[in-house]
């Protein structure tokens, strides 16, 4: 009879250990899900910031490379002038 009590107690103990391990794995899994959720949110914010930076830089590039700006700098800073009409040579296509 002592063996039956010990065997029954052992089965209960193993069942409780298994139940505890299952609960522990479940809690760990839920923590990982929340952790990855925060990570994804952070990455989405970074993507949005980079897209805004990209938009801003494209606008700046368009402004800096505009022909009007280049002509203005050439005339004002570099003191360039348009050539007189008699110095212009037109080529046929």
PDB file of N, CA and C in Angstrom:
ATOM      1  N   UNK A   1       0.816  -1.185   0.000  1.00  0.00           N
ATOM      2  CA  UNK A   1       0.000   0.000   0.000  1.00  0.00           C
ATOM      3  C   UNK A   1       0.869   1.262   0.000  1.00  0.00           C
ATOM      4  N   UNK A   2       2.001   1.182   0.629  1.00  0.00           N
ATOM      5  CA  UNK A   2       2.910   2.321   0.652  1.00  0.00           C
ATOM      6  C   UNK A   2       3.365   2.669  -0.750  1.00  0.00           C
ATOM      7  N   UNK A   3       3.515   1.638  -1.587  1.00  0.00           N
ATOM      8  CA  UNK A   3       3.907   1.899  -2.957  1.00  0.00           C
ATOM      9  C   UNK A   3       2.806   2.621  -3.716  1.00  0.00           C
ATOM     10  N   UNK A   4       1.569   2.257  -3.499  1.00  0.00           N
ATOM     11  CA  UNK A   4       0.452   2.914  -4.181  1.00  0.00           C
ATOM     12  C   UNK A   4       0.367   4.389  -3.788  1.00  0.00           C
ATOM     13  N   UNK A   5       0.532   4.677  -2.550  1.00  0.00           N
ATOM     14  CA  UNK A   5       0.486   6.075  -2.099  1.00  0.00           C
ATOM     15  C   UNK A   5       1.633   6.841  -2.732  1.00  0.00           C
ATOM     16  N   UNK A   6       2.801   6.242  -2.706  1.00  0.00           N
ATOM     17  CA  UNK A   6       3.958   6.914  -3.309  1.00  0.00           C
ATOM     18  C   UNK A   6       3.781   7.082  -4.809  1.00  0.00           C
ATOM     19  N   UNK A   7       3.232   6.034  -5.466  1.00  0.00           N
ATOM     20  CA  UNK A   7       3.022   6.104  -6.904  1.00  0.00           C
ATOM     21  C   UNK A   7       1.957   7.158  -7.226  1.00  0.00           C
ATOM     22  N   UNK A   8       0.874   7.211  -6.482  1.00  0.00           N
ATOM     23  CA  UNK A   8      -0.173   8.218  -6.671  1.00  0.00           C
ATOM     24  C   UNK A   8       0.356   9.612  -6.400  1.00  0.00           C
ATOM     25  N   UNK A   9       1.141   9.761  -5.364  1.00  0.00           N
ATOM     26  CA  UNK A   9       1.743  11.052  -5.035  1.00  0.00           C
ATOM     27  C   UNK A   9       2.710  11.481  -6.133  1.00  0.00           C
ATOM     28  N   UNK A  10       3.465  10.510  -6.630  1.00  0.00           N
ATOM     29  CA  UNK A  10       4.408  10.803  -7.703  1.00  0.00           C
ATOM     30  C   UNK A  10       3.664  11.260  -8.960  1.00  0.00           C
ATOM     31  N   UNK A  11       2.569  10.601  -9.300  1.00  0.00           N
ATOM     32  CA  UNK A  11       1.763  10.989 -10.460  1.00  0.00           C
ATOM     33  C   UNK A  11       1.206  12.404 -10.286  1.00  0.00           C
ATOM     34  N   UNK A  12       0.718  12.713  -9.109  1.00  0.00           N
ATOM     35  CA  UNK A  12       0.203  14.067  -8.856  1.00  0.00           C
ATOM     36  C   UNK A  12       1.320  15.103  -8.974  1.00  0.00           C
ATOM     37  N   UNK A  13       2.462  14.773  -8.404  1.00  0.00           N
ATOM     38  CA  UNK A  13       3.605  15.679  -8.454  1.00  0.00           C
ATOM     39  C   UNK A  13       4.028  15.925  -9.911  1.00  0.00           C
ATOM     40  N   UNK A  14       4.144  14.862 -10.690  1.00  0.00           N
ATOM     41  CA  UNK A  14       4.526  14.997 -12.090  1.00  0.00           C
ATOM     42  C   UNK A  14       3.474  15.791 -12.871  1.00  0.00           C
ATOM     43  N   UNK A  15       2.210  15.553 -12.564  1.00  0.00           N
ATOM     44  CA  UNK A  15       1.136  16.309 -13.205  1.00  0.00           C
ATOM     45  C   UNK A  15       1.255  17.794 -12.875  1.00  0.00           C
ATOM     46  N   UNK A  16       1.524  18.112 -11.612  1.00  0.00           N
ATOM     47  CA  UNK A  16       1.675  19.520 -11.212  1.00  0.00           C
ATOM     48  C   UNK A  16       2.896  20.155 -11.870  1.00  0.00           C
ATOM     49  N   UNK A  17       3.986  19.395 -11.967  1.00  0.00           N
ATOM     50  CA  UNK A  17       5.190  19.916 -12.625  1.00  0.00           C
ATOM     51  C   UNK A  17       4.890  20.181 -14.102  1.00  0.00           C
ATOM     52  N   UNK A  18       4.213  19.254 -14.759  1.00  0.00           N
ATOM     53  CA  UNK A  18       3.847  19.421 -16.153  1.00  0.00           C
ATOM     54  C   UNK A  18       2.912  20.624 -16.331  1.00  0.00           C
ATOM     55  N   UNK A  19       1.947  20.764 -15.447  1.00  0.00           N
ATOM     56  CA  UNK A  19       1.027  21.897 -15.494  1.00  0.00           C
ATOM     57  C   UNK A  19       1.775  23.216 -15.296  1.00  0.00           C
ATOM     58  N   UNK A  20       2.709  23.243 -14.357  1.00  0.00           N
ATOM     59  CA  UNK A  20       3.501  24.439 -14.096  1.00  0.00           C
ATOM     60  C   UNK A  20       4.352  24.797 -15.319  1.00  0.00           C
ATOM     61  N   UNK A  21       5.002  23.792 -15.908  1.00  0.00           N
ATOM     62  CA  UNK A  21       5.835  24.040 -17.095  1.00  0.00           C
ATOM     63  C   UNK A  21       4.990  24.557 -18.259  1.00  0.00           C
ATOM     64  N   UNK A  22       3.805  23.992 -18.440  1.00  0.00           N
ATOM     65  CA  UNK A  22       2.909  24.440 -19.497  1.00  0.00           C
ATOM     66  C   UNK A  22       2.501  25.893 -19.265  1.00  0.00           C
ATOM     67  N   UNK A  23       2.162  26.226 -18.034  1.00  0.00           N
ATOM     68  CA  UNK A  23       1.777  27.603 -17.704  1.00  0.00           C
ATOM     69  C   UNK A  23       2.953  28.550 -17.921  1.00  0.00           C
ATOM     70  N   UNK A  24       4.134  28.118 -17.538  1.00  0.00           N
ATOM     71  CA  UNK A  24       5.333  28.934 -17.703  1.00  0.00           C
ATOM     72  C   UNK A  24       5.607  29.191 -19.190  1.00  0.00           C
ATOM     73  N   UNK A  25       5.485  28.167 -20.009  1.00  0.00           N
ATOM     74  CA  UNK A  25       5.698  28.325 -21.452  1.00  0.00           C
ATOM     75  C   UNK A  25       4.646  29.267 -22.033  1.00  0.00           C
ATOM     76  N   UNK A  26       3.414  29.147 -21.605  1.00  0.00           N
ATOM     77  CA  UNK A  26       2.345  30.019 -22.100  1.00  0.00           C
ATOM     78  C   UNK A  26       2.630  31.478 -21.746  1.00  0.00           C
ATOM     79  N   UNK A  27       3.011  31.731 -20.514  1.00  0.00           N
ATOM     80  CA  UNK A  27       3.304  33.102 -20.074  1.00  0.00           C
ATOM     81  C   UNK A  27       4.495  33.655 -20.850  1.00  0.00           C
ATOM     82  N   UNK A  28       5.534  32.835 -21.037  1.00  0.00           N
ATOM     83  CA  UNK A  28       6.712  33.274 -21.786  1.00  0.00           C
ATOM     84  C   UNK A  28       6.325  33.635 -23.221  1.00  0.00           C
ATOM     85  N   UNK A  29       5.481  32.806 -23.811  1.00  0.00           N
ATOM     86  CA  UNK A  29       5.030  33.042 -25.175  1.00  0.00           C
ATOM     87  C   UNK A  29       4.251  34.355 -25.274  1.00  0.00           C
ATOM     88  N   UNK A  30       3.399  34.626 -24.323  1.00  0.00           N
ATOM     89  CA  UNK A  30       2.631  35.874 -24.335  1.00  0.00           C
ATOM     90  C   UNK A  30       3.543  37.085 -24.164  1.00  0.00           C
ATOM     91  N   UNK A  31       4.549  36.959 -23.333  1.00  0.00           N
ATOM     92  CA  UNK A  31       5.525  38.042 -23.148  1.00  0.00           C
ATOM     93  C   UNK A  31       6.254  38.310 -24.457  1.00  0.00           C
ATOM     94  N   UNK A  32       6.633  37.248 -25.172  1.00  0.00           N
ATOM     95  CA  UNK A  32       7.317  37.409 -26.454  1.00  0.00           C
ATOM     96  C   UNK A  32       6.418  38.092 -27.477  1.00  0.00           C
ATOM     97  N   UNK A  33       5.145  37.750 -27.491  1.00  0.00           N
ATOM     98  CA  UNK A  33       4.202  38.369 -28.423  1.00  0.00           C
ATOM     99  C   UNK A  33       4.119  39.874 -28.158  1.00  0.00           C
ATOM    100  N   UNK A  34       4.023  40.257 -26.898  1.00  0.00           N
ATOM    101  CA  UNK A  34       3.948  41.679 -26.544  1.00  0.00           C
ATOM    102  C   UNK A  34       5.255  42.380 -26.908  1.00  0.00           C
ATOM    103  N   UNK A  35       6.370  41.724 -26.621  1.00  0.00           N
ATOM    104  CA  UNK A  35       7.684  42.293 -26.922  1.00  0.00           C
ATOM    105  C   UNK A  35       7.841  42.521 -28.426  1.00  0.00           C
ATOM    106  N   UNK A  36       7.458  41.544 -29.237  1.00  0.00           N
ATOM    107  CA  UNK A  36       7.553  41.704 -30.682  1.00  0.00           C
ATOM    108  C   UNK A  36       6.577  42.758 -31.184  1.00  0.00           C
ATOM    109  N   UNK A  37       5.425  42.867 -30.539  1.00  0.00           N
ATOM    110  CA  UNK A  37       4.464  43.904 -30.906  1.00  0.00           C
ATOM    111  C   UNK A  37       5.050  45.293 -30.703  1.00  0.00           C
ATOM    112  N   UNK A  38       5.732  45.501 -29.576  1.00  0.00           N
ATOM    113  CA  UNK A  38       6.388  46.787 -29.334  1.00  0.00           C
ATOM    114  C   UNK A  38       7.488  47.031 -30.366  1.00  0.00           C
ATOM    115  N   UNK A  39       8.235  45.993 -30.681  1.00  0.00           N
ATOM    116  CA  UNK A  39       9.297  46.124 -31.679  1.00  0.00           C
ATOM    117  C   UNK A  39       8.743  46.521 -33.033  1.00  0.00           C
ATOM    118  N   UNK A  40       7.645  45.901 -33.432  1.00  0.00           N
ATOM    119  CA  UNK A  40       7.017  46.226 -34.715  1.00  0.00           C
ATOM    120  C   UNK A  40       6.531  47.667 -34.710  1.00  0.00           C
ATOM    121  N   UNK A  41       5.948  48.109 -33.612  1.00  0.00           N
ATOM    122  CA  UNK A  41       5.482  49.502 -33.516  1.00  0.00           C
ATOM    123  C   UNK A  41       6.646  50.479 -33.675  1.00  0.00           C
ATOM    124  N   UNK A  42       7.765  50.168 -33.020  1.00  0.00           N
ATOM    125  CA  UNK A  42       8.945  51.031 -33.124  1.00  0.00           C
ATOM    126  C   UNK A  42       9.451  51.075 -34.564  1.00  0.00           C
ATOM    127  N   UNK A  43       9.478  49.921 -35.230  1.00  0.00           N
ATOM    128  CA  UNK A  43       9.952  49.883 -36.607  1.00  0.00           C
ATOM    129  C   UNK A  43       9.018  50.653 -37.539  1.00  0.00           C
ATOM    130  N   UNK A  44       7.721  50.577 -37.293  1.00  0.00           N
ATOM    131  CA  UNK A  44       6.775  51.339 -38.106  1.00  0.00           C
ATOM    132  C   UNK A  44       7.010  52.840 -37.944  1.00  0.00           C
ATOM    133  N   UNK A  45       7.279  53.278 -36.711  1.00  0.00           N
ATOM    134  CA  UNK A  45       7.569  54.695 -36.482  1.00  0.00           C
ATOM    135  C   UNK A  45       8.847  55.113 -37.204  1.00  0.00           C
ATOM    136  N   UNK A  46       9.864  54.244 -37.157  1.00  0.00           N
ATOM    137  CA  UNK A  46      11.115  54.562 -37.847  1.00  0.00           C
ATOM    138  C   UNK A  46      10.905  54.641 -39.350  1.00  0.00           C
ATOM    139  N   UNK A  47      10.101  53.736 -39.902  1.00  0.00           N
ATOM    140  CA  UNK A  47       9.810  53.772 -41.336  1.00  0.00           C
ATOM    141  C   UNK A  47       9.120  55.085 -41.700  1.00  0.00           C
ATOM    142  N   UNK A  48       8.152  55.491 -40.892  1.00  0.00           N
ATOM    143  CA  UNK A  48       7.435  56.740 -41.148  1.00  0.00           C
ATOM    144  C   UNK A  48       8.381  57.936 -41.101  1.00  0.00           C
ATOM    145  N   UNK A  49       9.296  57.937 -40.119  1.00  0.00           N
ATOM    146  CA  UNK A  49      10.261  59.036 -40.020  1.00  0.00           C
ATOM    147  C   UNK A  49      11.172  59.069 -41.242  1.00  0.00           C
ATOM    148  N   UNK A  50      11.648  57.890 -41.667  1.00  0.00           N
ATOM    149  CA  UNK A  50      12.540  57.832 -42.839  1.00  0.00           C
ATOM    150  C   UNK A  50      11.809  58.270 -44.111  1.00  0.00           C
ATOM    151  N   UNK A  51      10.532  57.911 -44.228  1.00  0.00           N
ATOM    152  CA  UNK A  51       9.756  58.341 -45.397  1.00  0.00           C
ATOM    153  C   UNK A  51       9.584  59.861 -45.398  1.00  0.00           C
ATOM    154  N   UNK A  52       9.349  60.441 -44.221  1.00  0.00           N
ATOM    155  CA  UNK A  52       9.239  61.910 -44.127  1.00  0.00           C
ATOM    156  C   UNK A  52      10.567  62.568 -44.489  1.00  0.00           C
ATOM    157  N   UNK A  53      11.673  62.010 -43.973  1.00  0.00           N
ATOM    158  CA  UNK A  53      12.997  62.540 -44.310  1.00  0.00           C
ATOM    159  C   UNK A  53      13.241  62.442 -45.814  1.00  0.00           C
ATOM    160  N   UNK A  54      12.864  61.311 -46.385  1.00  0.00           N
ATOM    161  CA  UNK A  54      13.065  61.096 -47.815  1.00  0.00           C
ATOM    162  C   UNK A  54      12.275  62.120 -48.636  1.00  0.00           C
ATOM    163  N   UNK A  55      11.025  62.338 -48.249  1.00  0.00           N
ATOM    164  CA  UNK A  55      10.194  63.328 -48.938  1.00  0.00           C
ATOM    165  C   UNK A  55      10.827  64.718 -48.864  1.00  0.00           C
ATOM    166  N   UNK A  56      11.273  65.064 -47.668  1.00  0.00           N
ATOM    167  CA  UNK A  56      11.884  66.377 -47.459  1.00  0.00           C
ATOM    168  C   UNK A  56      13.157  66.531 -48.302  1.00  0.00           C
ATOM    169  N   UNK A  57      13.974  65.477 -48.324  1.00  0.00           N
ATOM    170  CA  UNK A  57      15.222  65.543 -49.092  1.00  0.00           C
ATOM    171  C   UNK A  57      14.956  65.611 -50.602  1.00  0.00           C
ATOM    172  N   UNK A  58      13.922  64.916 -51.062  1.00  0.00           N
ATOM    173  CA  UNK A  58      13.574  64.983 -52.489  1.00  0.00           C
ATOM    174  C   UNK A  58      13.130  66.396 -52.876  1.00  0.00           C
ATOM    175  N   UNK A  59      12.351  67.031 -52.009  1.00  0.00           N
ATOM    176  CA  UNK A  59      11.917  68.405 -52.274  1.00  0.00           C
ATOM    177  C   UNK A  59      13.131  69.339 -52.307  1.00  0.00           C
ATOM    178  N   UNK A  60      14.032  69.141 -51.358  1.00  0.00           N
ATOM    179  CA  UNK A  60      15.235  69.967 -51.294  1.00  0.00           C
ATOM    180  C   UNK A  60      16.087  69.767 -52.551  1.00  0.00           C
ATOM    181  N   UNK A  61      16.205  68.508 -52.983  1.00  0.00           N
ATOM    182  CA  UNK A  61      16.972  68.207 -54.193  1.00  0.00           C
ATOM    183  C   UNK A  61      16.350  68.868 -55.415  1.00  0.00           C
ATOM    184  N   UNK A  62      15.037  68.804 -55.511  1.00  0.00           N
ATOM    185  CA  UNK A  62      14.352  69.449 -56.637  1.00  0.00           C
ATOM    186  C   UNK A  62      14.584  70.952 -56.637  1.00  0.00           C
ATOM    187  N   UNK A  63      14.559  71.553 -55.450  1.00  0.00           N
ATOM    188  CA  UNK A  63      14.792  73.003 -55.363  1.00  0.00           C
ATOM    189  C   UNK A  63      16.227  73.355 -55.711  1.00  0.00           C
ATOM    190  N   UNK A  64      17.185  72.576 -55.210  1.00  0.00           N
ATOM    191  CA  UNK A  64      18.594  72.888 -55.447  1.00  0.00           C
ATOM    192  C   UNK A  64      18.990  72.652 -56.902  1.00  0.00           C
ATOM    193  N   UNK A  65      18.343  71.706 -57.555  1.00  0.00           N
ATOM    194  CA  UNK A  65      18.719  71.394 -58.927  1.00  0.00           C
ATOM    195  C   UNK A  65      17.878  72.076 -59.981  1.00  0.00           C
ATOM    196  N   UNK A  66      17.003  72.965 -59.564  1.00  0.00           N
ATOM    197  CA  UNK A  66      16.131  73.622 -60.553  1.00  0.00           C
ATOM    198  C   UNK A  66      16.961  74.533 -61.464  1.00  0.00           C
ATOM    199  N   UNK A  67      16.551  74.602 -62.724  1.00  0.00           N
ATOM    200  CA  UNK A  67      17.287  75.408 -63.703  1.00  0.00           C
ATOM    201  C   UNK A  67      17.266  76.891 -63.341  1.00  0.00           C
ATOM    202  N   UNK A  68      16.152  77.345 -62.766  1.00  0.00           N
ATOM    203  CA  UNK A  68      16.077  78.758 -62.372  1.00  0.00           C
ATOM    204  C   UNK A  68      17.123  79.077 -61.314  1.00  0.00           C
ATOM    205  N   UNK A  69      17.298  78.195 -60.364  1.00  0.00           N
ATOM    206  CA  UNK A  69      18.279  78.425 -59.300  1.00  0.00           C
ATOM    207  C   UNK A  69      19.698  78.393 -59.853  1.00  0.00           C
ATOM    208  N   UNK A  70      19.969  77.419 -60.721  1.00  0.00           N
ATOM    209  CA  UNK A  70      21.304  77.317 -61.316  1.00  0.00           C
ATOM    210  C   UNK A  70      21.612  78.580 -62.126  1.00  0.00           C
ATOM    211  N   UNK A  71      20.629  79.059 -62.903  1.00  0.00           N
ATOM    212  CA  UNK A  71      20.836  80.270 -63.695  1.00  0.00           C
ATOM    213  C   UNK A  71      21.068  81.488 -62.795  1.00  0.00           C
ATOM    214  N   UNK A  72      20.311  81.577 -61.729  1.00  0.00           N
ATOM    215  CA  UNK A  72      20.458  82.696 -60.789  1.00  0.00           C
ATOM    216  C   UNK A  72      21.852  82.690 -60.169  1.00  0.00           C
ATOM    217  N   UNK A  73      22.321  81.523 -59.737  1.00  0.00           N
ATOM    218  CA  UNK A  73      23.664  81.432 -59.137  1.00  0.00           C
ATOM    219  C   UNK A  73      24.722  81.768 -60.180  1.00  0.00           C
ATOM    220  N   UNK A  74      24.541  81.269 -61.411  1.00  0.00           N
ATOM    221  CA  UNK A  74      25.519  81.554 -62.465  1.00  0.00           C
ATOM    222  C   UNK A  74      25.623  83.051 -62.732  1.00  0.00           C
ATOM    223  N   UNK A  75      24.495  83.719 -62.759  1.00  0.00           N
ATOM    224  CA  UNK A  75      24.513  85.157 -63.059  1.00  0.00           C
ATOM    225  C   UNK A  75      24.982  85.995 -61.872  1.00  0.00           C
ATOM    226  N   UNK A  76      24.490  85.660 -60.665  1.00  0.00           N
ATOM    227  CA  UNK A  76      24.789  86.507 -59.504  1.00  0.00           C
ATOM    228  C   UNK A  76      26.154  86.204 -58.891  1.00  0.00           C
ATOM    229  N   UNK A  77      26.424  84.973 -58.616  1.00  0.00           N
ATOM    230  CA  UNK A  77      27.682  84.636 -57.930  1.00  0.00           C
ATOM    231  C   UNK A  77      28.864  84.522 -58.888  1.00  0.00           C
ATOM    232  N   UNK A  78      28.621  83.901 -60.036  1.00  0.00           N
ATOM    233  CA  UNK A  78      29.724  83.644 -60.967  1.00  0.00           C
ATOM    234  C   UNK A  78      29.847  84.715 -62.048  1.00  0.00           C
ATOM    235  N   UNK A  79      28.928  85.679 -62.005  1.00  0.00           N
ATOM    236  CA  UNK A  79      28.954  86.827 -62.935  1.00  0.00           C
ATOM    237  C   UNK A  79      28.930  86.370 -64.396  1.00  0.00           C
ATOM    238  N   UNK A  80      28.203  85.317 -64.685  1.00  0.00           N
ATOM    239  CA  UNK A  80      28.064  84.856 -66.066  1.00  0.00           C
ATOM    240  C   UNK A  80      26.949  85.648 -66.739  1.00  0.00           C
ATOM    241  N   UNK A  81      27.062  85.756 -68.046  1.00  0.00           N
ATOM    242  CA  UNK A  81      26.046  86.480 -68.810  1.00  0.00           C
ATOM    243  C   UNK A  81      25.633  85.625 -70.001  1.00  0.00           C
ATOM    244  N   UNK A  82      24.474  85.927 -70.549  1.00  0.00           N
ATOM    245  CA  UNK A  82      24.038  85.240 -71.762  1.00  0.00           C
ATOM    246  C   UNK A  82      24.895  85.732 -72.922  1.00  0.00           C
ATOM    247  N   UNK A  83      25.249  84.847 -73.841  1.00  0.00           N
ATOM    248  CA  UNK A  83      26.075  85.288 -74.974  1.00  0.00           C
ATOM    249  C   UNK A  83      25.258  86.156 -75.932  1.00  0.00           C
ATOM    250  N   UNK A  84      25.910  87.035 -76.625  1.00  0.00           N
ATOM    251  CA  UNK A  84      25.177  87.847 -77.615  1.00  0.00           C
ATOM    252  C   UNK A  84      24.656  86.933 -78.732  1.00  0.00           C
ATOM    253  N   UNK A  85      23.561  87.321 -79.345  1.00  0.00           N
ATOM    254  CA  UNK A  85      22.943  86.457 -80.368  1.00  0.00           C
ATOM    255  C   UNK A  85      23.886  86.083 -81.509  1.00  0.00           C
ATOM    256  N   UNK A  86      24.835  86.953 -81.861  1.00  0.00           N
ATOM    257  CA  UNK A  86      25.733  86.638 -82.979  1.00  0.00           C
ATOM    258  C   UNK A  86      26.745  85.538 -82.625  1.00  0.00           C
ATOM    259  N   UNK A  87      26.931  85.251 -81.353  1.00  0.00           N
ATOM    260  CA  UNK A  87      27.854  84.183 -80.943  1.00  0.00           C
ATOM    261  C   UNK A  87      27.147  82.829 -80.770  1.00  0.00           C
ATOM    262  N   UNK A  88      25.856  82.791 -80.988  1.00  0.00           N
ATOM    263  CA  UNK A  88      25.119  81.545 -80.826  1.00  0.00           C
ATOM    264  C   UNK A  88      25.083  80.819 -82.165  1.00  0.00           C
ATOM    265  N   UNK A  89      25.479  79.578 -82.161  1.00  0.00           N
ATOM    266  CA  UNK A  89      25.481  78.756 -83.370  1.00  0.00           C
ATOM    267  C   UNK A  89      24.438  77.663 -83.181  1.00  0.00           C
ATOM    268  N   UNK A  90      23.498  77.595 -84.093  1.00  0.00           N
ATOM    269  CA  UNK A  90      22.456  76.586 -84.047  1.00  0.00           C
ATOM    270  C   UNK A  90      22.848  75.415 -84.949  1.00  0.00           C
ATOM    271  N   UNK A  91      22.707  74.222 -84.458  1.00  0.00           N
ATOM    272  CA  UNK A  91      23.030  73.021 -85.238  1.00  0.00           C
ATOM    273  C   UNK A  91      21.740  72.322 -85.629  1.00  0.00           C
ATOM    274  N   UNK A  92      21.762  71.775 -86.825  1.00  0.00           N
ATOM    275  CA  UNK A  92      20.596  71.011 -87.262  1.00  0.00           C
ATOM    276  C   UNK A  92      20.658  69.619 -86.660  1.00  0.00           C
ATOM    277  N   UNK A  93      19.483  69.040 -86.529  1.00  0.00           N
ATOM    278  CA  UNK A  93      19.430  67.696 -85.939  1.00  0.00           C
ATOM    279  C   UNK A  93      19.879  66.649 -86.899  1.00  0.00           C
TER     280      UNK A  93
END
